[in-house]
Amino acid sequence: MALAAFPSYAGKKFGVAPFPSHGKDLTSNWSGGSRDYFALISLSTLQTLPIPQNGTPFDGKGSGGLVLSALPEGAALVEHTIFSGKDLGVTVYVNSADLAPLLPSPMELTWGEKVVLKV
């Protein structure tokens, strides 16, 4: 999903988190060497909708940014963070209802793994 949203991303830092109940500020512009990039993505088709730069007086909408108060089911918000010039990676935010199917299923341990792990 992260690479569908940001195909040119070549880093190795990925994360998955539940969408915050208070919403998410989608302000996206360079400020002090930092910027967050956002894209919405469909979980079923991986179709993306990039969110353009916003939150500056030059964007034609004043100095306020966008706020996403709720994330529709079946969609994910993908955020690529650059903080003070350092790439902090990509985080995929999903609804709690959509999060469980994305987690890996439990694995059955072999006898040797159980012995080593003392399960």
N, C-alpha and C. Protein backbone atom coordinates (compact mmCIF):
# COMPACT_ATOMS: atom_id res chain seq x y z
N MET A 1 0.81 -1.19 0.00
CA MET A 1 0.00 0.00 0.00
C MET A 1 0.86 1.26 0.00
N ALA A 2 1.92 1.24 0.79
CA ALA A 2 2.79 2.41 0.87
C ALA A 2 3.43 2.70 -0.48
N LEU A 3 3.86 1.65 -1.16
CA LEU A 3 4.50 1.85 -2.46
C LEU A 3 3.49 2.21 -3.55
N ALA A 4 2.24 1.80 -3.38
CA ALA A 4 1.20 2.22 -4.33
C ALA A 4 0.95 3.72 -4.18
N ALA A 5 1.00 4.21 -2.94
CA ALA A 5 0.77 5.64 -2.69
C ALA A 5 1.98 6.48 -3.08
N PHE A 6 3.18 5.97 -2.80
CA PHE A 6 4.42 6.70 -3.07
C PHE A 6 5.39 5.78 -3.82
N PRO A 7 5.20 5.61 -5.14
CA PRO A 7 6.02 4.66 -5.91
C PRO A 7 7.51 4.96 -5.90
N SER A 8 7.89 6.21 -5.71
CA SER A 8 9.31 6.54 -5.74
C SER A 8 9.98 6.37 -4.38
N TYR A 9 9.23 5.98 -3.35
CA TYR A 9 9.81 5.79 -2.02
C TYR A 9 10.75 4.60 -2.05
N ALA A 10 11.99 4.81 -1.64
CA ALA A 10 13.00 3.75 -1.66
C ALA A 10 13.49 3.41 -0.26
N GLY A 11 12.85 3.95 0.77
CA GLY A 11 13.27 3.69 2.14
C GLY A 11 12.82 2.34 2.66
N LYS A 12 13.17 2.06 3.91
CA LYS A 12 12.86 0.77 4.52
C LYS A 12 12.00 0.91 5.77
N LYS A 13 11.54 2.12 6.07
CA LYS A 13 10.76 2.35 7.28
C LYS A 13 9.27 2.40 6.94
N PHE A 14 8.53 1.42 7.46
CA PHE A 14 7.10 1.32 7.22
C PHE A 14 6.39 1.07 8.55
N GLY A 15 5.21 1.60 8.69
CA GLY A 15 4.42 1.37 9.89
C GLY A 15 2.94 1.33 9.56
N VAL A 16 2.17 0.69 10.43
CA VAL A 16 0.71 0.63 10.31
C VAL A 16 0.15 1.07 11.65
N ALA A 17 -0.87 1.94 11.61
CA ALA A 17 -1.46 2.46 12.84
C ALA A 17 -2.96 2.64 12.63
N PRO A 18 -3.73 2.55 13.72
CA PRO A 18 -5.16 2.87 13.59
C PRO A 18 -5.34 4.36 13.36
N PHE A 19 -6.36 4.72 12.60
CA PHE A 19 -6.64 6.14 12.34
C PHE A 19 -7.02 6.80 13.66
N PRO A 20 -6.43 7.96 14.00
CA PRO A 20 -6.72 8.62 15.27
C PRO A 20 -8.20 8.99 15.40
N SER A 21 -8.78 8.77 16.57
CA SER A 21 -10.20 9.06 16.78
C SER A 21 -10.48 10.56 16.72
N HIS A 22 -9.48 11.39 16.98
CA HIS A 22 -9.65 12.84 16.92
C HIS A 22 -9.43 13.42 15.52
N GLY A 23 -9.13 12.57 14.55
CA GLY A 23 -8.88 13.02 13.19
C GLY A 23 -7.40 13.23 12.94
N LYS A 24 -7.07 13.67 11.73
CA LYS A 24 -5.67 13.83 11.33
C LYS A 24 -5.52 15.13 10.53
N ASP A 25 -4.56 15.94 10.94
CA ASP A 25 -4.23 17.17 10.22
C ASP A 25 -3.44 16.80 8.97
N LEU A 26 -3.94 17.20 7.81
CA LEU A 26 -3.30 16.85 6.54
C LEU A 26 -2.52 18.01 5.94
N THR A 27 -2.13 18.98 6.77
CA THR A 27 -1.34 20.10 6.28
C THR A 27 -0.05 19.56 5.68
N SER A 28 0.24 19.98 4.46
CA SER A 28 1.38 19.44 3.73
C SER A 28 2.11 20.55 3.01
N ASN A 29 3.18 21.06 3.64
CA ASN A 29 4.03 22.07 3.01
C ASN A 29 5.37 22.07 3.72
N TRP A 30 6.38 22.60 3.06
CA TRP A 30 7.70 22.67 3.66
C TRP A 30 7.73 23.75 4.72
N SER A 31 8.20 23.40 5.90
CA SER A 31 8.32 24.36 7.00
C SER A 31 9.47 23.90 7.88
N GLY A 32 10.55 24.68 7.91
CA GLY A 32 11.68 24.34 8.75
C GLY A 32 12.37 23.04 8.36
N GLY A 33 12.35 22.69 7.10
CA GLY A 33 13.00 21.46 6.64
C GLY A 33 12.17 20.22 6.87
N SER A 34 10.89 20.39 7.22
CA SER A 34 10.00 19.26 7.49
C SER A 34 8.77 19.34 6.60
N ARG A 35 8.24 18.17 6.25
CA ARG A 35 7.01 18.10 5.47
C ARG A 35 6.43 16.70 5.57
N ASP A 36 5.11 16.64 5.59
CA ASP A 36 4.38 15.38 5.50
C ASP A 36 3.67 15.35 4.16
N TYR A 37 3.78 14.22 3.47
CA TYR A 37 3.05 14.00 2.21
C TYR A 37 1.94 13.01 2.51
N PHE A 38 0.76 13.20 1.89
CA PHE A 38 -0.37 12.33 2.16
C PHE A 38 -1.00 11.82 0.87
N ALA A 39 -1.58 10.63 0.97
CA ALA A 39 -2.38 10.07 -0.12
C ALA A 39 -3.45 9.18 0.50
N LEU A 40 -4.65 9.22 -0.07
CA LEU A 40 -5.70 8.28 0.31
C LEU A 40 -5.63 7.11 -0.65
N ILE A 41 -5.92 5.92 -0.15
CA ILE A 41 -5.81 4.73 -1.00
C ILE A 41 -6.97 3.78 -0.70
N SER A 42 -7.50 3.17 -1.74
CA SER A 42 -8.54 2.15 -1.59
C SER A 42 -7.88 0.83 -1.23
N LEU A 43 -8.36 0.18 -0.17
CA LEU A 43 -7.76 -1.09 0.25
C LEU A 43 -8.04 -2.21 -0.74
N SER A 44 -9.15 -2.13 -1.47
CA SER A 44 -9.50 -3.22 -2.38
C SER A 44 -8.84 -3.09 -3.75
N THR A 45 -8.69 -1.85 -4.25
CA THR A 45 -8.15 -1.67 -5.60
C THR A 45 -6.75 -1.05 -5.63
N LEU A 46 -6.29 -0.53 -4.50
CA LEU A 46 -5.02 0.19 -4.39
C LEU A 46 -4.98 1.45 -5.26
N GLN A 47 -6.15 1.95 -5.63
CA GLN A 47 -6.24 3.22 -6.36
C GLN A 47 -5.92 4.34 -5.38
N THR A 48 -5.11 5.31 -5.80
CA THR A 48 -4.67 6.36 -4.89
C THR A 48 -5.22 7.73 -5.29
N LEU A 49 -5.33 8.59 -4.28
CA LEU A 49 -5.71 9.97 -4.46
C LEU A 49 -4.70 10.82 -3.70
N PRO A 50 -3.68 11.36 -4.39
CA PRO A 50 -2.68 12.18 -3.70
C PRO A 50 -3.32 13.47 -3.17
N ILE A 51 -2.89 13.90 -2.00
CA ILE A 51 -3.36 15.16 -1.42
C ILE A 51 -2.28 16.20 -1.69
N PRO A 52 -2.62 17.26 -2.44
CA PRO A 52 -1.60 18.23 -2.84
C PRO A 52 -1.14 19.10 -1.67
N GLN A 53 -0.07 19.84 -1.92
CA GLN A 53 0.43 20.79 -0.94
C GLN A 53 -0.71 21.70 -0.50
N ASN A 54 -0.77 21.99 0.80
CA ASN A 54 -1.80 22.86 1.33
C ASN A 54 -1.32 23.47 2.63
N GLY A 55 -2.01 24.51 3.09
CA GLY A 55 -1.69 25.10 4.38
C GLY A 55 -0.83 26.34 4.33
N THR A 56 -0.55 26.86 3.14
CA THR A 56 0.22 28.11 3.04
C THR A 56 -0.66 29.17 2.39
N PRO A 57 -0.33 30.45 2.59
CA PRO A 57 -1.10 31.51 1.92
C PRO A 57 -1.00 31.42 0.39
N PHE A 58 0.03 30.76 -0.12
CA PHE A 58 0.24 30.66 -1.56
C PHE A 58 -0.64 29.60 -2.21
N ASP A 59 -1.29 28.77 -1.40
CA ASP A 59 -2.16 27.72 -1.93
C ASP A 59 -3.55 28.24 -2.26
N GLY A 60 -3.81 29.53 -1.96
CA GLY A 60 -5.09 30.13 -2.28
C GLY A 60 -6.19 29.83 -1.28
N LYS A 61 -5.86 29.21 -0.15
CA LYS A 61 -6.87 28.86 0.82
C LYS A 61 -6.53 29.42 2.20
N GLY A 62 -5.73 30.46 2.26
CA GLY A 62 -5.31 30.99 3.55
C GLY A 62 -4.19 30.16 4.12
N SER A 63 -3.95 30.33 5.42
CA SER A 63 -2.83 29.61 6.02
C SER A 63 -3.26 28.35 6.76
N GLY A 64 -4.54 27.99 6.70
CA GLY A 64 -5.00 26.76 7.38
C GLY A 64 -4.87 25.57 6.46
N GLY A 65 -4.59 24.43 7.04
CA GLY A 65 -4.47 23.20 6.27
C GLY A 65 -5.76 22.40 6.29
N LEU A 66 -5.70 21.21 5.75
CA LEU A 66 -6.84 20.30 5.72
C LEU A 66 -6.86 19.43 6.97
N VAL A 67 -8.05 19.05 7.41
CA VAL A 67 -8.20 18.12 8.53
C VAL A 67 -9.16 17.02 8.08
N LEU A 68 -8.75 15.77 8.23
CA LEU A 68 -9.60 14.63 7.93
C LEU A 68 -10.17 14.13 9.24
N SER A 69 -11.48 14.32 9.45
CA SER A 69 -12.08 13.98 10.74
C SER A 69 -12.40 12.50 10.86
N ALA A 70 -12.67 11.84 9.74
CA ALA A 70 -12.98 10.40 9.77
C ALA A 70 -12.47 9.76 8.49
N LEU A 71 -12.07 8.53 8.60
CA LEU A 71 -11.58 7.78 7.44
C LEU A 71 -12.63 6.76 7.06
N PRO A 72 -13.11 6.77 5.82
CA PRO A 72 -14.13 5.80 5.42
C PRO A 72 -13.60 4.37 5.48
N GLU A 73 -14.51 3.44 5.78
CA GLU A 73 -14.10 2.02 5.77
C GLU A 73 -13.69 1.65 4.36
N GLY A 74 -12.69 0.79 4.26
CA GLY A 74 -12.18 0.36 2.97
C GLY A 74 -11.15 1.30 2.38
N ALA A 75 -10.77 2.32 3.16
CA ALA A 75 -9.76 3.28 2.69
C ALA A 75 -8.65 3.37 3.72
N ALA A 76 -7.50 3.82 3.27
CA ALA A 76 -6.36 4.04 4.16
C ALA A 76 -5.76 5.40 3.84
N LEU A 77 -5.16 6.00 4.85
CA LEU A 77 -4.42 7.25 4.68
C LEU A 77 -2.95 6.90 4.80
N VAL A 78 -2.16 7.26 3.79
CA VAL A 78 -0.73 6.95 3.79
C VAL A 78 0.02 8.27 3.96
N GLU A 79 0.95 8.29 4.94
CA GLU A 79 1.71 9.50 5.25
C GLU A 79 3.20 9.22 5.12
N HIS A 80 3.88 10.07 4.36
CA HIS A 80 5.34 9.99 4.23
C HIS A 80 5.90 11.21 4.94
N THR A 81 6.73 11.00 5.96
CA THR A 81 7.21 12.09 6.81
C THR A 81 8.69 12.38 6.59
N ILE A 82 8.98 13.64 6.35
CA ILE A 82 10.35 14.16 6.34
C ILE A 82 10.42 15.13 7.52
N PHE A 83 11.30 14.89 8.48
CA PHE A 83 11.41 15.75 9.65
C PHE A 83 12.84 16.29 9.75
N SER A 84 12.98 17.59 9.67
CA SER A 84 14.28 18.27 9.71
C SER A 84 15.26 17.65 8.72
N GLY A 85 14.76 17.37 7.51
CA GLY A 85 15.59 16.83 6.45
C GLY A 85 15.84 15.33 6.53
N LYS A 86 15.32 14.66 7.57
CA LYS A 86 15.53 13.21 7.72
C LYS A 86 14.25 12.47 7.37
N ASP A 87 14.38 11.45 6.53
CA ASP A 87 13.23 10.64 6.12
C ASP A 87 12.84 9.70 7.27
N LEU A 88 11.64 9.90 7.83
CA LEU A 88 11.17 9.06 8.93
C LEU A 88 10.31 7.90 8.47
N GLY A 89 10.09 7.78 7.17
CA GLY A 89 9.38 6.63 6.64
C GLY A 89 7.92 6.89 6.32
N VAL A 90 7.21 5.80 6.09
CA VAL A 90 5.81 5.83 5.66
C VAL A 90 4.95 5.15 6.71
N THR A 91 3.84 5.80 7.06
CA THR A 91 2.87 5.21 7.99
C THR A 91 1.54 5.07 7.28
N VAL A 92 0.92 3.90 7.41
CA VAL A 92 -0.39 3.65 6.82
C VAL A 92 -1.41 3.66 7.95
N TYR A 93 -2.38 4.57 7.88
CA TYR A 93 -3.45 4.67 8.87
C TYR A 93 -4.70 4.01 8.30
N VAL A 94 -5.32 3.12 9.08
CA VAL A 94 -6.55 2.45 8.66
C VAL A 94 -7.55 2.47 9.80
N ASN A 95 -8.83 2.28 9.46
CA ASN A 95 -9.87 2.14 10.48
C ASN A 95 -9.60 0.89 11.31
N SER A 96 -10.04 0.91 12.55
CA SER A 96 -9.88 -0.27 13.41
C SER A 96 -10.54 -1.49 12.79
N ALA A 97 -11.69 -1.30 12.14
CA ALA A 97 -12.40 -2.42 11.52
C ALA A 97 -11.60 -3.03 10.37
N ASP A 98 -10.82 -2.21 9.68
CA ASP A 98 -10.02 -2.69 8.55
C ASP A 98 -8.64 -3.17 8.97
N LEU A 99 -8.25 -2.91 10.22
CA LEU A 99 -6.90 -3.22 10.68
C LEU A 99 -6.68 -4.72 10.88
N ALA A 100 -7.63 -5.41 11.47
CA ALA A 100 -7.46 -6.83 11.79
C ALA A 100 -7.14 -7.70 10.55
N PRO A 101 -7.83 -7.53 9.42
CA PRO A 101 -7.49 -8.35 8.25
C PRO A 101 -6.09 -8.08 7.70
N LEU A 102 -5.50 -6.92 8.01
CA LEU A 102 -4.17 -6.60 7.50
C LEU A 102 -3.05 -7.22 8.33
N LEU A 103 -3.38 -7.64 9.56
CA LEU A 103 -2.37 -8.24 10.43
C LEU A 103 -2.07 -9.66 9.99
N PRO A 104 -0.84 -10.13 10.18
CA PRO A 104 -0.52 -11.50 9.79
C PRO A 104 -1.27 -12.49 10.65
N SER A 105 -1.64 -13.60 10.05
CA SER A 105 -2.35 -14.64 10.81
C SER A 105 -1.36 -15.36 11.72
N PRO A 106 -1.85 -15.89 12.85
CA PRO A 106 -0.95 -16.60 13.77
C PRO A 106 -0.30 -17.80 13.08
N MET A 107 0.95 -18.05 13.43
CA MET A 107 1.68 -19.16 12.85
C MET A 107 1.76 -20.30 13.86
N GLU A 108 1.74 -21.50 13.37
CA GLU A 108 1.95 -22.67 14.22
C GLU A 108 3.46 -22.89 14.30
N LEU A 109 3.96 -22.99 15.52
CA LEU A 109 5.39 -23.21 15.72
C LEU A 109 5.74 -24.68 15.54
N THR A 110 6.93 -24.93 15.03
CA THR A 110 7.42 -26.30 14.91
C THR A 110 7.88 -26.77 16.29
N TRP A 111 8.10 -28.07 16.43
CA TRP A 111 8.56 -28.62 17.70
C TRP A 111 9.88 -27.96 18.11
N GLY A 112 10.81 -27.79 17.19
CA GLY A 112 12.10 -27.18 17.48
C GLY A 112 11.95 -25.72 17.94
N GLU A 113 11.08 -24.98 17.30
CA GLU A 113 10.84 -23.59 17.71
C GLU A 113 10.26 -23.53 19.12
N LYS A 114 9.36 -24.45 19.42
CA LYS A 114 8.76 -24.48 20.77
C LYS A 114 9.82 -24.80 21.84
N VAL A 115 10.74 -25.70 21.50
CA VAL A 115 11.79 -26.05 22.44
C VAL A 115 12.71 -24.86 22.69
N VAL A 116 13.12 -24.21 21.62
CA VAL A 116 14.03 -23.07 21.74
C VAL A 116 13.37 -21.90 22.48
N LEU A 117 12.10 -21.66 22.18
CA LEU A 117 11.38 -20.55 22.78
C LEU A 117 10.76 -20.89 24.15
N LYS A 118 10.84 -22.16 24.55
CA LYS A 118 10.27 -22.65 25.81
C LYS A 118 8.79 -22.31 25.92
N VAL A 119 8.03 -22.63 24.86
CA VAL A 119 6.59 -22.36 24.85
C VAL A 119 5.85 -23.50 25.49
